[in-house]
Amino acid sequence: MISTVSRDAALIVTAAGLIVAAVALARTRRAPLALALLLDFFTAAALLYLAAPPTWPALGAAALTIVIRQLASHALTAARAARHR
């Protein structure tokens, strides 16, 4: 039961992330903002997916999602700093 609920919640959060990122991109025309929002939602979905009894593939996917989020955040911050120089 909990695994079905958490996986459904993860799918809903993933879909919401796609919608929020698309709306943010359409309204602000700022791709870095839309990407950051999308990755935050993906991270939340990965963590929700782990609320079910965790498996190694689910743990690996969550860890990979968090690593990608951290790398993208670092790259976006570096790019912003380079633009302001």
PDB file of N, CA and C in Angstrom:
ATOM      1  N   MET A   1       0.823  -1.199   0.000  1.00  0.00           N
ATOM      2  CA  MET A   1       0.000   0.000   0.000  1.00  0.00           C
ATOM      3  C   MET A   1       0.863   1.259   0.000  1.00  0.00           C
ATOM      4  N   ILE A   2       1.816   1.349   0.952  1.00  0.00           N
ATOM      5  CA  ILE A   2       2.658   2.547   1.023  1.00  0.00           C
ATOM      6  C   ILE A   2       3.495   2.707  -0.234  1.00  0.00           C
ATOM      7  N   SER A   3       3.949   1.590  -0.802  1.00  0.00           N
ATOM      8  CA  SER A   3       4.769   1.706  -1.997  1.00  0.00           C
ATOM      9  C   SER A   3       3.964   2.254  -3.164  1.00  0.00           C
ATOM     10  N   THR A   4       2.719   1.848  -3.290  1.00  0.00           N
ATOM     11  CA  THR A   4       1.869   2.362  -4.362  1.00  0.00           C
ATOM     12  C   THR A   4       1.591   3.847  -4.173  1.00  0.00           C
ATOM     13  N   VAL A   5       1.312   4.245  -2.946  1.00  0.00           N
ATOM     14  CA  VAL A   5       1.027   5.661  -2.666  1.00  0.00           C
ATOM     15  C   VAL A   5       2.260   6.513  -2.915  1.00  0.00           C
ATOM     16  N   SER A   6       3.416   6.070  -2.429  1.00  0.00           N
ATOM     17  CA  SER A   6       4.624   6.877  -2.606  1.00  0.00           C
ATOM     18  C   SER A   6       5.045   6.940  -4.073  1.00  0.00           C
ATOM     19  N   ARG A   7       4.863   5.858  -4.800  1.00  0.00           N
ATOM     20  CA  ARG A   7       5.219   5.884  -6.228  1.00  0.00           C
ATOM     21  C   ARG A   7       4.247   6.750  -7.014  1.00  0.00           C
ATOM     22  N   ASP A   8       2.977   6.700  -6.670  1.00  0.00           N
ATOM     23  CA  ASP A   8       2.007   7.592  -7.318  1.00  0.00           C
ATOM     24  C   ASP A   8       2.318   9.048  -6.996  1.00  0.00           C
ATOM     25  N   ALA A   9       2.668   9.313  -5.742  1.00  0.00           N
ATOM     26  CA  ALA A   9       3.027  10.677  -5.352  1.00  0.00           C
ATOM     27  C   ALA A   9       4.269  11.144  -6.109  1.00  0.00           C
ATOM     28  N   ALA A  10       5.237  10.250  -6.288  1.00  0.00           N
ATOM     29  CA  ALA A  10       6.441  10.601  -7.040  1.00  0.00           C
ATOM     30  C   ALA A  10       6.107  10.943  -8.487  1.00  0.00           C
ATOM     31  N   LEU A  11       5.195  10.192  -9.090  1.00  0.00           N
ATOM     32  CA  LEU A  11       4.784  10.491 -10.461  1.00  0.00           C
ATOM     33  C   LEU A  11       4.065  11.837 -10.551  1.00  0.00           C
ATOM     34  N   ILE A  12       3.229  12.121  -9.567  1.00  0.00           N
ATOM     35  CA  ILE A  12       2.510  13.403  -9.551  1.00  0.00           C
ATOM     36  C   ILE A  12       3.494  14.557  -9.393  1.00  0.00           C
ATOM     37  N   VAL A  13       4.473  14.402  -8.505  1.00  0.00           N
ATOM     38  CA  VAL A  13       5.478  15.457  -8.302  1.00  0.00           C
ATOM     39  C   VAL A  13       6.317  15.641  -9.567  1.00  0.00           C
ATOM     40  N   THR A  14       6.644  14.552 -10.243  1.00  0.00           N
ATOM     41  CA  THR A  14       7.401  14.657 -11.490  1.00  0.00           C
ATOM     42  C   THR A  14       6.597  15.422 -12.544  1.00  0.00           C
ATOM     43  N   ALA A  15       5.332  15.077 -12.692  1.00  0.00           N
ATOM     44  CA  ALA A  15       4.480  15.786 -13.656  1.00  0.00           C
ATOM     45  C   ALA A  15       4.331  17.259 -13.279  1.00  0.00           C
ATOM     46  N   ALA A  16       4.169  17.517 -11.990  1.00  0.00           N
ATOM     47  CA  ALA A  16       4.057  18.907 -11.536  1.00  0.00           C
ATOM     48  C   ALA A  16       5.339  19.672 -11.836  1.00  0.00           C
ATOM     49  N   GLY A  17       6.470  19.019 -11.664  1.00  0.00           N
ATOM     50  CA  GLY A  17       7.751  19.662 -11.966  1.00  0.00           C
ATOM     51  C   GLY A  17       7.876  20.039 -13.427  1.00  0.00           C
ATOM     52  N   LEU A  18       7.435  19.138 -14.304  1.00  0.00           N
ATOM     53  CA  LEU A  18       7.476  19.453 -15.739  1.00  0.00           C
ATOM     54  C   LEU A  18       6.581  20.647 -16.062  1.00  0.00           C
ATOM     55  N   ILE A  19       5.408  20.678 -15.461  1.00  0.00           N
ATOM     56  CA  ILE A  19       4.472  21.784 -15.711  1.00  0.00           C
ATOM     57  C   ILE A  19       5.019  23.095 -15.150  1.00  0.00           C
ATOM     58  N   VAL A  20       5.495  23.063 -13.914  1.00  0.00           N
ATOM     59  CA  VAL A  20       6.018  24.277 -13.279  1.00  0.00           C
ATOM     60  C   VAL A  20       7.220  24.812 -14.055  1.00  0.00           C
ATOM     61  N   ALA A  21       8.117  23.922 -14.471  1.00  0.00           N
ATOM     62  CA  ALA A  21       9.291  24.371 -15.232  1.00  0.00           C
ATOM     63  C   ALA A  21       8.880  24.970 -16.574  1.00  0.00           C
ATOM     64  N   ALA A  22       7.916  24.358 -17.238  1.00  0.00           N
ATOM     65  CA  ALA A  22       7.454  24.889 -18.522  1.00  0.00           C
ATOM     66  C   ALA A  22       6.810  26.264 -18.349  1.00  0.00           C
ATOM     67  N   VAL A  23       5.997  26.415 -17.314  1.00  0.00           N
ATOM     68  CA  VAL A  23       5.356  27.707 -17.058  1.00  0.00           C
ATOM     69  C   VAL A  23       6.404  28.756 -16.690  1.00  0.00           C
ATOM     70  N   ALA A  24       7.360  28.378 -15.854  1.00  0.00           N
ATOM     71  CA  ALA A  24       8.417  29.322 -15.475  1.00  0.00           C
ATOM     72  C   ALA A  24       9.217  29.765 -16.690  1.00  0.00           C
ATOM     73  N   LEU A  25       9.527  28.837 -17.573  1.00  0.00           N
ATOM     74  CA  LEU A  25      10.271  29.185 -18.782  1.00  0.00           C
ATOM     75  C   LEU A  25       9.447  30.083 -19.693  1.00  0.00           C
ATOM     76  N   ALA A  26       8.174  29.782 -19.834  1.00  0.00           N
ATOM     77  CA  ALA A  26       7.312  30.590 -20.704  1.00  0.00           C
ATOM     78  C   ALA A  26       7.113  31.998 -20.152  1.00  0.00           C
ATOM     79  N   ARG A  27       6.999  32.099 -18.839  1.00  0.00           N
ATOM     80  CA  ARG A  27       6.715  33.416 -18.248  1.00  0.00           C
ATOM     81  C   ARG A  27       7.956  34.270 -18.052  1.00  0.00           C
ATOM     82  N   THR A  28       9.091  33.660 -17.712  1.00  0.00           N
ATOM     83  CA  THR A  28      10.279  34.453 -17.388  1.00  0.00           C
ATOM     84  C   THR A  28      11.348  34.420 -18.469  1.00  0.00           C
ATOM     85  N   ARG A  29      11.279  33.412 -19.350  1.00  0.00           N
ATOM     86  CA  ARG A  29      12.303  33.209 -20.377  1.00  0.00           C
ATOM     87  C   ARG A  29      13.683  33.000 -19.756  1.00  0.00           C
ATOM     88  N   ARG A  30      13.708  32.492 -18.539  1.00  0.00           N
ATOM     89  CA  ARG A  30      14.975  32.222 -17.849  1.00  0.00           C
ATOM     90  C   ARG A  30      15.149  30.709 -17.728  1.00  0.00           C
ATOM     91  N   ALA A  31      15.921  30.148 -18.636  1.00  0.00           N
ATOM     92  CA  ALA A  31      16.144  28.704 -18.647  1.00  0.00           C
ATOM     93  C   ALA A  31      16.820  28.199 -17.368  1.00  0.00           C
ATOM     94  N   PRO A  32      17.793  28.929 -16.809  1.00  0.00           N
ATOM     95  CA  PRO A  32      18.400  28.429 -15.569  1.00  0.00           C
ATOM     96  C   PRO A  32      17.391  28.297 -14.426  1.00  0.00           C
ATOM     97  N   LEU A  33      16.468  29.228 -14.329  1.00  0.00           N
ATOM     98  CA  LEU A  33      15.435  29.144 -13.299  1.00  0.00           C
ATOM     99  C   LEU A  33      14.535  27.931 -13.528  1.00  0.00           C
ATOM    100  N   ALA A  34      14.112  27.740 -14.765  1.00  0.00           N
ATOM    101  CA  ALA A  34      13.247  26.605 -15.086  1.00  0.00           C
ATOM    102  C   ALA A  34      13.967  25.284 -14.823  1.00  0.00           C
ATOM    103  N   LEU A  35      15.248  25.218 -15.170  1.00  0.00           N
ATOM    104  CA  LEU A  35      16.020  24.002 -14.922  1.00  0.00           C
ATOM    105  C   LEU A  35      16.164  23.735 -13.432  1.00  0.00           C
ATOM    106  N   ALA A  36      16.427  24.775 -12.647  1.00  0.00           N
ATOM    107  CA  ALA A  36      16.556  24.608 -11.200  1.00  0.00           C
ATOM    108  C   ALA A  36      15.240  24.106 -10.596  1.00  0.00           C
ATOM    109  N   LEU A  37      14.136  24.673 -11.033  1.00  0.00           N
ATOM    110  CA  LEU A  37      12.836  24.220 -10.536  1.00  0.00           C
ATOM    111  C   LEU A  37      12.580  22.762 -10.909  1.00  0.00           C
ATOM    112  N   LEU A  38      12.861  22.418 -12.153  1.00  0.00           N
ATOM    113  CA  LEU A  38      12.654  21.051 -12.613  1.00  0.00           C
ATOM    114  C   LEU A  38      13.489  20.064 -11.802  1.00  0.00           C
ATOM    115  N   LEU A  39      14.741  20.395 -11.577  1.00  0.00           N
ATOM    116  CA  LEU A  39      15.609  19.494 -10.825  1.00  0.00           C
ATOM    117  C   LEU A  39      15.190  19.386  -9.364  1.00  0.00           C
ATOM    118  N   ASP A  40      14.673  20.464  -8.796  1.00  0.00           N
ATOM    119  CA  ASP A  40      14.161  20.384  -7.424  1.00  0.00           C
ATOM    120  C   ASP A  40      12.966  19.435  -7.336  1.00  0.00           C
ATOM    121  N   PHE A  41      12.075  19.518  -8.300  1.00  0.00           N
ATOM    122  CA  PHE A  41      10.922  18.616  -8.312  1.00  0.00           C
ATOM    123  C   PHE A  41      11.363  17.170  -8.542  1.00  0.00           C
ATOM    124  N   PHE A  42      12.351  16.969  -9.421  1.00  0.00           N
ATOM    125  CA  PHE A  42      12.855  15.613  -9.645  1.00  0.00           C
ATOM    126  C   PHE A  42      13.494  15.049  -8.380  1.00  0.00           C
ATOM    127  N   THR A  43      14.212  15.892  -7.647  1.00  0.00           N
ATOM    128  CA  THR A  43      14.810  15.451  -6.384  1.00  0.00           C
ATOM    129  C   THR A  43      13.730  15.063  -5.389  1.00  0.00           C
ATOM    130  N   ALA A  44      12.690  15.875  -5.296  1.00  0.00           N
ATOM    131  CA  ALA A  44      11.580  15.549  -4.393  1.00  0.00           C
ATOM    132  C   ALA A  44      10.914  14.239  -4.794  1.00  0.00           C
ATOM    133  N   ALA A  45      10.729  14.038  -6.088  1.00  0.00           N
ATOM    134  CA  ALA A  45      10.106  12.794  -6.559  1.00  0.00           C
ATOM    135  C   ALA A  45      10.986  11.589  -6.239  1.00  0.00           C
ATOM    136  N   ALA A  46      12.287  11.734  -6.402  1.00  0.00           N
ATOM    137  CA  ALA A  46      13.196  10.626  -6.094  1.00  0.00           C
ATOM    138  C   ALA A  46      13.146  10.280  -4.610  1.00  0.00           C
ATOM    139  N   LEU A  47      13.066  11.290  -3.765  1.00  0.00           N
ATOM    140  CA  LEU A  47      12.981  11.034  -2.324  1.00  0.00           C
ATOM    141  C   LEU A  47      11.640  10.419  -1.948  1.00  0.00           C
ATOM    142  N   LEU A  48      10.568  10.850  -2.594  1.00  0.00           N
ATOM    143  CA  LEU A  48       9.269  10.220  -2.357  1.00  0.00           C
ATOM    144  C   LEU A  48       9.282   8.752  -2.779  1.00  0.00           C
ATOM    145  N   TYR A  49       9.950   8.477  -3.854  1.00  0.00           N
ATOM    146  CA  TYR A  49      10.048   7.108  -4.343  1.00  0.00           C
ATOM    147  C   TYR A  49      10.745   6.221  -3.311  1.00  0.00           C
ATOM    148  N   LEU A  50      11.661   6.812  -2.540  1.00  0.00           N
ATOM    149  CA  LEU A  50      12.366   6.063  -1.505  1.00  0.00           C
ATOM    150  C   LEU A  50      11.516   5.837  -0.264  1.00  0.00           C
ATOM    151  N   ALA A  51      10.363   6.480  -0.161  1.00  0.00           N
ATOM    152  CA  ALA A  51       9.487   6.271   1.001  1.00  0.00           C
ATOM    153  C   ALA A  51       8.928   4.854   1.006  1.00  0.00           C
ATOM    154  N   ALA A  52       8.840   4.266  -0.171  1.00  0.00           N
ATOM    155  CA  ALA A  52       8.443   2.852  -0.263  1.00  0.00           C
ATOM    156  C   ALA A  52       9.629   2.026   0.219  1.00  0.00           C
ATOM    157  N   PRO A  53       9.424   0.766   0.463  1.00  0.00           N
ATOM    158  CA  PRO A  53      10.590  -0.055   0.818  1.00  0.00           C
ATOM    159  C   PRO A  53      11.672   0.100  -0.249  1.00  0.00           C
ATOM    160  N   PRO A  54      12.815   0.668   0.131  1.00  0.00           N
ATOM    161  CA  PRO A  54      13.828   1.024  -0.873  1.00  0.00           C
ATOM    162  C   PRO A  54      14.488  -0.199  -1.506  1.00  0.00           C
ATOM    163  N   THR A  55      14.805  -0.037  -2.765  1.00  0.00           N
ATOM    164  CA  THR A  55      15.574  -1.034  -3.496  1.00  0.00           C
ATOM    165  C   THR A  55      16.873  -0.367  -3.929  1.00  0.00           C
ATOM    166  N   TRP A  56      17.847  -1.168  -4.299  1.00  0.00           N
ATOM    167  CA  TRP A  56      19.112  -0.586  -4.739  1.00  0.00           C
ATOM    168  C   TRP A  56      18.945   0.288  -5.984  1.00  0.00           C
ATOM    169  N   PRO A  57      18.165  -0.125  -6.967  1.00  0.00           N
ATOM    170  CA  PRO A  57      17.976   0.768  -8.123  1.00  0.00           C
ATOM    171  C   PRO A  57      17.310   2.101  -7.745  1.00  0.00           C
ATOM    172  N   ALA A  58      16.341   2.059  -6.830  1.00  0.00           N
ATOM    173  CA  ALA A  58      15.686   3.300  -6.404  1.00  0.00           C
ATOM    174  C   ALA A  58      16.665   4.191  -5.646  1.00  0.00           C
ATOM    175  N   LEU A  59      17.486   3.581  -4.802  1.00  0.00           N
ATOM    176  CA  LEU A  59      18.491   4.351  -4.067  1.00  0.00           C
ATOM    177  C   LEU A  59      19.508   4.961  -5.024  1.00  0.00           C
ATOM    178  N   GLY A  60      19.928   4.173  -6.006  1.00  0.00           N
ATOM    179  CA  GLY A  60      20.869   4.688  -7.002  1.00  0.00           C
ATOM    180  C   GLY A  60      20.278   5.824  -7.817  1.00  0.00           C
ATOM    181  N   ALA A  61      19.018   5.696  -8.190  1.00  0.00           N
ATOM    182  CA  ALA A  61      18.355   6.755  -8.959  1.00  0.00           C
ATOM    183  C   ALA A  61      18.231   8.028  -8.134  1.00  0.00           C
ATOM    184  N   ALA A  62      17.900   7.891  -6.860  1.00  0.00           N
ATOM    185  CA  ALA A  62      17.795   9.069  -5.991  1.00  0.00           C
ATOM    186  C   ALA A  62      19.158   9.729  -5.826  1.00  0.00           C
ATOM    187  N   ALA A  63      20.186   8.934  -5.610  1.00  0.00           N
ATOM    188  CA  ALA A  63      21.533   9.490  -5.456  1.00  0.00           C
ATOM    189  C   ALA A  63      21.982  10.185  -6.736  1.00  0.00           C
ATOM    190  N   LEU A  64      21.725   9.565  -7.884  1.00  0.00           N
ATOM    191  CA  LEU A  64      22.096  10.173  -9.156  1.00  0.00           C
ATOM    192  C   LEU A  64      21.341  11.477  -9.385  1.00  0.00           C
ATOM    193  N   THR A  65      20.071  11.507  -9.040  1.00  0.00           N
ATOM    194  CA  THR A  65      19.278  12.729  -9.176  1.00  0.00           C
ATOM    195  C   THR A  65      19.861  13.847  -8.327  1.00  0.00           C
ATOM    196  N   ILE A  66      20.253  13.534  -7.106  1.00  0.00           N
ATOM    197  CA  ILE A  66      20.817  14.544  -6.216  1.00  0.00           C
ATOM    198  C   ILE A  66      22.181  15.015  -6.725  1.00  0.00           C
ATOM    199  N   VAL A  67      22.997  14.113  -7.237  1.00  0.00           N
ATOM    200  CA  VAL A  67      24.299  14.504  -7.795  1.00  0.00           C
ATOM    201  C   VAL A  67      24.103  15.422  -8.996  1.00  0.00           C
ATOM    202  N   ILE A  68      23.185  15.069  -9.881  1.00  0.00           N
ATOM    203  CA  ILE A  68      22.920  15.915 -11.050  1.00  0.00           C
ATOM    204  C   ILE A  68      22.423  17.287 -10.606  1.00  0.00           C
ATOM    205  N   ARG A  69      21.549  17.325  -9.601  1.00  0.00           N
ATOM    206  CA  ARG A  69      21.032  18.594  -9.093  1.00  0.00           C
ATOM    207  C   ARG A  69      22.167  19.449  -8.546  1.00  0.00           C
ATOM    208  N   GLN A  70      23.067  18.838  -7.800  1.00  0.00           N
ATOM    209  CA  GLN A  70      24.182  19.590  -7.226  1.00  0.00           C
ATOM    210  C   GLN A  70      25.130  20.100  -8.317  1.00  0.00           C
ATOM    211  N   LEU A  71      25.443  19.261  -9.288  1.00  0.00           N
ATOM    212  CA  LEU A  71      26.320  19.686 -10.384  1.00  0.00           C
ATOM    213  C   LEU A  71      25.691  20.807 -11.206  1.00  0.00           C
ATOM    214  N   ALA A  72      24.413  20.680 -11.505  1.00  0.00           N
ATOM    215  CA  ALA A  72      23.723  21.719 -12.273  1.00  0.00           C
ATOM    216  C   ALA A  72      23.665  23.017 -11.484  1.00  0.00           C
ATOM    217  N   SER A  73      23.404  22.931 -10.193  1.00  0.00           N
ATOM    218  CA  SER A  73      23.367  24.131  -9.357  1.00  0.00           C
ATOM    219  C   SER A  73      24.719  24.821  -9.344  1.00  0.00           C
ATOM    220  N   HIS A  74      25.778  24.037  -9.216  1.00  0.00           N
ATOM    221  CA  HIS A  74      27.128  24.613  -9.228  1.00  0.00           C
ATOM    222  C   HIS A  74      27.429  25.268 -10.571  1.00  0.00           C
ATOM    223  N   ALA A  75      27.065  24.600 -11.656  1.00  0.00           N
ATOM    224  CA  ALA A  75      27.313  25.146 -12.990  1.00  0.00           C
ATOM    225  C   ALA A  75      26.511  26.428 -13.228  1.00  0.00           C
ATOM    226  N   LEU A  76      25.261  26.454 -12.779  1.00  0.00           N
ATOM    227  CA  LEU A  76      24.446  27.656 -12.948  1.00  0.00           C
ATOM    228  C   LEU A  76      24.999  28.816 -12.130  1.00  0.00           C
ATOM    229  N   THR A  77      25.462  28.538 -10.925  1.00  0.00           N
ATOM    230  CA  THR A  77      26.051  29.588 -10.092  1.00  0.00           C
ATOM    231  C   THR A  77      27.344  30.118 -10.720  1.00  0.00           C
ATOM    232  N   ALA A  78      28.176  29.225 -11.240  1.00  0.00           N
ATOM    233  CA  ALA A  78      29.421  29.648 -11.888  1.00  0.00           C
ATOM    234  C   ALA A  78      29.140  30.469 -13.137  1.00  0.00           C
ATOM    235  N   ALA A  79      28.144  30.070 -13.914  1.00  0.00           N
ATOM    236  CA  ALA A  79      27.791  30.812 -15.119  1.00  0.00           C
ATOM    237  C   ALA A  79      27.278  32.197 -14.770  1.00  0.00           C
ATOM    238  N   ARG A  80      26.465  32.281 -13.734  1.00  0.00           N
ATOM    239  CA  ARG A  80      25.948  33.583 -13.307  1.00  0.00           C
ATOM    240  C   ARG A  80      27.082  34.488 -12.834  1.00  0.00           C
ATOM    241  N   ALA A  81      28.040  33.921 -12.097  1.00  0.00           N
ATOM    242  CA  ALA A  81      29.171  34.709 -11.613  1.00  0.00           C
ATOM    243  C   ALA A  81      30.034  35.181 -12.781  1.00  0.00           C
ATOM    244  N   ALA A  82      30.220  34.346 -13.786  1.00  0.00           N
ATOM    245  CA  ALA A  82      31.019  34.722 -14.954  1.00  0.00           C
ATOM    246  C   ALA A  82      30.345  35.833 -15.749  1.00  0.00           C
ATOM    247  N   ARG A  83      29.015  35.813 -15.797  1.00  0.00           N
ATOM    248  CA  ARG A  83      28.299  36.874 -16.530  1.00  0.00           C
ATOM    249  C   ARG A  83      28.417  38.222 -15.838  1.00  0.00           C
ATOM    250  N   HIS A  84      28.541  38.223 -14.523  1.00  0.00           N
ATOM    251  CA  HIS A  84      28.590  39.469 -13.790  1.00  0.00           C
ATOM    252  C   HIS A  84      29.992  40.060 -13.679  1.00  0.00           C
ATOM    253  N   ARG A  85      30.977  39.397 -14.242  1.00  0.00           N
ATOM    254  CA  ARG A  85      32.354  39.922 -14.199  1.00  0.00           C
ATOM    255  C   ARG A  85      32.608  40.879 -15.307  1.00  0.00           C
TER     256      ARG A  85
END
